[in-house]
C-alpha atoms as a PDB file:
ATOM      1  CA  MET A   1    -144.398-195.023 -63.164  1.00  0.00           C
ATOM      2  CA  LYS A   2    -142.164-196.932 -60.709  1.00  0.00           C
ATOM      3  CA  CYS A   3    -143.089-199.905 -58.416  1.00  0.00           C
ATOM      4  CA  ASP A   4    -142.857-199.677 -54.644  1.00  0.00           C
ATOM      5  CA  ARG A   5    -141.452-202.714 -52.498  1.00  0.00           C
ATOM      6  CA  VAL A   6    -144.287-204.947 -53.088  1.00  0.00           C
ATOM      7  CA  GLY A   7    -144.607-204.420 -56.736  1.00  0.00           C
ATOM      8  CA  ARG A   8    -147.497-202.068 -57.011  1.00  0.00           C
ATOM      9  CA  ARG A   9    -147.087-199.042 -59.347  1.00  0.00           C
ATOM     10  CA  ARG A  10    -146.868-195.630 -57.906  1.00  0.00           C
ATOM     11  CA  SER A  11    -146.645-192.100 -59.394  1.00  0.00           C
ATOM     12  CA  SER A  12    -143.674-190.197 -59.188  1.00  0.00           C
ATOM     13  CA  ASP A  13    -142.910-186.294 -59.891  1.00  0.00           C
ATOM     14  CA  VAL A  14    -140.565-185.018 -62.733  1.00  0.00           C
ATOM     15  CA  ASP A  15    -137.174-185.896 -60.773  1.00  0.00           C
ATOM     16  CA  GLY A  16    -138.182-189.176 -59.948  1.00  0.00           C
ATOM     17  CA  ALA A  17    -138.997-188.740 -56.385  1.00  0.00           C
ATOM     18  CA  PRO A  18    -142.278-189.661 -54.872  1.00  0.00           C
ATOM     19  CA  ALA A  19    -144.816-186.708 -54.875  1.00  0.00           C
ATOM     20  CA  ASN A  20    -144.853-186.742 -51.312  1.00  0.00           C
ATOM     21  CA  ALA A  21    -141.036-187.228 -50.540  1.00  0.00           C
ATOM     22  CA  ASP A  22    -140.682-184.078 -48.717  1.00  0.00           C
ATOM     23  CA  ARG A  23    -143.348-185.003 -46.176  1.00  0.00           C
ATOM     24  CA  LYS A  24    -142.399-186.867 -42.886  1.00  0.00           C
ATOM     25  CA  PRO A  25    -144.489-189.927 -42.784  1.00  0.00           C
ATOM     26  CA  ASP A  26    -147.286-189.989 -39.967  1.00  0.00           C
ATOM     27  CA  LEU A  27    -146.279-192.553 -37.686  1.00  0.00           C
ATOM     28  CA  ARG A  28    -149.101-192.256 -34.994  1.00  0.00           C
ATOM     29  CA  GLY A  29    -151.428-194.845 -36.457  1.00  0.00           C
ATOM     30  CA  SER A  30    -152.433-198.167 -34.969  1.00  0.00           C
ATOM     31  CA  LEU A  31    -149.613-200.572 -34.466  1.00  0.00           C
ATOM     32  CA  ASN A  32    -151.802-203.243 -36.173  1.00  0.00           C
ATOM     33  CA  GLN A  33    -152.208-201.271 -39.498  1.00  0.00           C
ATOM     34  CA  PRO A  34    -149.355-202.087 -41.991  1.00  0.00           C
ATOM     35  CA  THR A  35    -147.301-199.001 -43.159  1.00  0.00           C
ATOM     36  CA  ASN A  36    -144.741-198.351 -45.889  1.00  0.00           C
ATOM     37  CA  ALA A  37    -143.210-195.634 -43.751  1.00  0.00           C
ATOM     38  CA  THR A  38    -139.542-195.876 -42.942  1.00  0.00           C
ATOM     39  CA  LEU A  39    -138.313-195.092 -39.428  1.00  0.00           C
ATOM     40  CA  ARG A  40    -134.975-193.531 -38.399  1.00  0.00           C
ATOM     41  CA  VAL A  41    -134.220-195.233 -35.075  1.00  0.00           C
ATOM     42  CA  ASP A  42    -131.279-195.320 -32.794  1.00  0.00           C
ATOM     43  CA  LEU A  43    -131.623-198.259 -30.346  1.00  0.00           C
ATOM     44  CA  HIS A  44    -128.541-197.669 -28.152  1.00  0.00           C
ATOM     45  CA  SER A  45    -127.753-194.286 -26.734  1.00  0.00           C
ATOM     46  CA  HIS A  46    -126.595-193.202 -23.252  1.00  0.00           C
ATOM     47  CA  THR A  47    -126.956-190.100 -21.210  1.00  0.00           C
ATOM     48  CA  ASN A  48    -124.745-188.806 -18.414  1.00  0.00           C
ATOM     49  CA  CYS A  49    -126.633-191.067 -16.219  1.00  0.00           C
ATOM     50  CA  SER A  50    -124.517-193.972 -17.482  1.00  0.00           C
ATOM     51  CA  HIS A  51    -121.027-194.468 -16.324  1.00  0.00           C
ATOM     52  CA  ASP A  52    -119.664-193.923 -19.934  1.00  0.00           C
ATOM     53  CA  ALA A  53    -121.402-191.120 -21.266  1.00  0.00           C
ATOM     54  CA  VAL A  54    -121.440-187.179 -20.682  1.00  0.00           C
ATOM     55  CA  THR A  55    -124.519-186.125 -22.793  1.00  0.00           C
ATOM     56  CA  THR A  56    -127.347-184.905 -20.761  1.00  0.00           C
ATOM     57  CA  PRO A  57    -130.851-186.065 -21.496  1.00  0.00           C
ATOM     58  CA  TRP A  58    -131.825-182.812 -22.831  1.00  0.00           C
ATOM     59  CA  ASP A  59    -128.730-182.629 -25.230  1.00  0.00           C
ATOM     60  CA  LEU A  60    -129.368-186.254 -26.390  1.00  0.00           C
ATOM     61  CA  VAL A  61    -133.034-185.589 -27.173  1.00  0.00           C
ATOM     62  CA  GLU A  62    -131.825-182.081 -29.167  1.00  0.00           C
ATOM     63  CA  ARG A  63    -129.263-184.002 -30.985  1.00  0.00           C
ATOM     64  CA  ALA A  64    -131.658-186.682 -31.971  1.00  0.00           C
ATOM     65  CA  ARG A  65    -134.178-184.057 -33.220  1.00  0.00           C
ATOM     66  CA  GLU A  66    -131.327-182.283 -35.219  1.00  0.00           C
ATOM     67  CA  ALA A  67    -130.369-185.716 -36.776  1.00  0.00           C
ATOM     68  CA  ASN A  68    -134.262-186.179 -37.820  1.00  0.00           C
ATOM     69  CA  LEU A  69    -134.508-189.588 -35.814  1.00  0.00           C
ATOM     70  CA  ASP A  70    -138.023-190.657 -35.429  1.00  0.00           C
ATOM     71  CA  ARG A  71    -137.368-192.647 -32.043  1.00  0.00           C
ATOM     72  CA  ILE A  72    -134.230-193.172 -29.859  1.00  0.00           C
ATOM     73  CA  ALA A  73    -133.963-195.789 -27.058  1.00  0.00           C
ATOM     74  CA  VAL A  74    -132.043-194.600 -24.131  1.00  0.00           C
ATOM     75  CA  THR A  75    -130.247-197.446 -22.535  1.00  0.00           C
ATOM     76  CA  ASP A  76    -128.159-196.264 -19.670  1.00  0.00           C
ATOM     77  CA  HIS A  77    -126.077-199.099 -17.950  1.00  0.00           C
ATOM     78  CA  GLY A  78    -128.189-200.284 -15.169  1.00  0.00           C
ATOM     79  CA  CYS A  79    -130.277-197.274 -14.692  1.00  0.00           C
ATOM     80  CA  LEU A  80    -133.495-195.847 -16.037  1.00  0.00           C
ATOM     81  CA  ASP A  81    -133.223-192.285 -14.630  1.00  0.00           C
ATOM     82  CA  GLY A  82    -131.765-190.651 -17.824  1.00  0.00           C
ATOM     83  CA  ALA A  83    -134.390-192.599 -20.185  1.00  0.00           C
ATOM     84  CA  TRP A  84    -137.106-191.271 -17.856  1.00  0.00           C
ATOM     85  CA  ARG A  85    -135.868-187.878 -17.759  1.00  0.00           C
ATOM     86  CA  ALA A  86    -135.400-187.822 -21.754  1.00  0.00           C
ATOM     87  CA  ARG A  87    -138.802-189.212 -22.142  1.00  0.00           C
ATOM     88  CA  GLU A  88    -140.190-186.307 -20.174  1.00  0.00           C
ATOM     89  CA  ILE A  89    -138.716-183.893 -22.604  1.00  0.00           C
ATOM     90  CA  ASP A  90    -140.198-185.678 -25.766  1.00  0.00           C
ATOM     91  CA  PRO A  91    -142.566-188.683 -24.774  1.00  0.00           C
ATOM     92  CA  GLU A  92    -143.016-189.462 -28.583  1.00  0.00           C
ATOM     93  CA  LEU A  93    -139.329-189.797 -29.517  1.00  0.00           C
ATOM     94  CA  VAL A  94    -137.845-191.637 -26.444  1.00  0.00           C
ATOM     95  CA  ILE A  95    -138.046-195.216 -25.983  1.00  0.00           C
ATOM     96  CA  ILE A  96    -137.044-196.206 -22.439  1.00  0.00           C
ATOM     97  CA  GLY A  97    -134.546-198.975 -21.982  1.00  0.00           C
ATOM     98  CA  GLU A  98    -131.557-200.282 -19.911  1.00  0.00           C
ATOM     99  CA  GLU A  99    -128.465-201.813 -20.647  1.00  0.00           C
ATOM    100  CA  ILE A 100    -127.788-204.922 -18.011  1.00  0.00           C
ATOM    101  CA  ARG A 101    -124.981-206.992 -17.023  1.00  0.00           C
ATOM    102  CA  CYS A 102    -125.747-210.673 -16.605  1.00  0.00           C
ATOM    103  CA  ARG A 103    -124.155-212.935 -14.140  1.00  0.00           C
ATOM    104  CA  CYS A 104    -121.815-214.246 -16.615  1.00  0.00           C
ATOM    105  CA  ARG A 105    -120.702-210.467 -17.138  1.00  0.00           C
ATOM    106  CA  THR A 106    -122.254-210.397 -20.634  1.00  0.00           C
ATOM    107  CA  GLU A 107    -124.007-206.935 -21.234  1.00  0.00           C
ATOM    108  CA  LEU A 108    -127.299-206.765 -22.944  1.00  0.00           C
END
């Protein structure tokens, strides 16, 4: 037996991995329910709608799927078009965001 992050005992199979290690966690539950699932997320990506990128929304979504990411935030510079296009391709994968420039010329 091994312990999880909060000290509870859990069973594992012969090689030491949890018995359900090959299953992808179900992340569609309520946001108010605690979960021990780990998410693989990229919170800063750009499409060709941004001045510093050449990747189409379609290619970005495909690459995220190939990398087994659970979510990506599409944060083009001053534009939401690429994020909306990517979200149309995969609504569950894409988080819509935008990188903005402040008056002091700092980008957020």
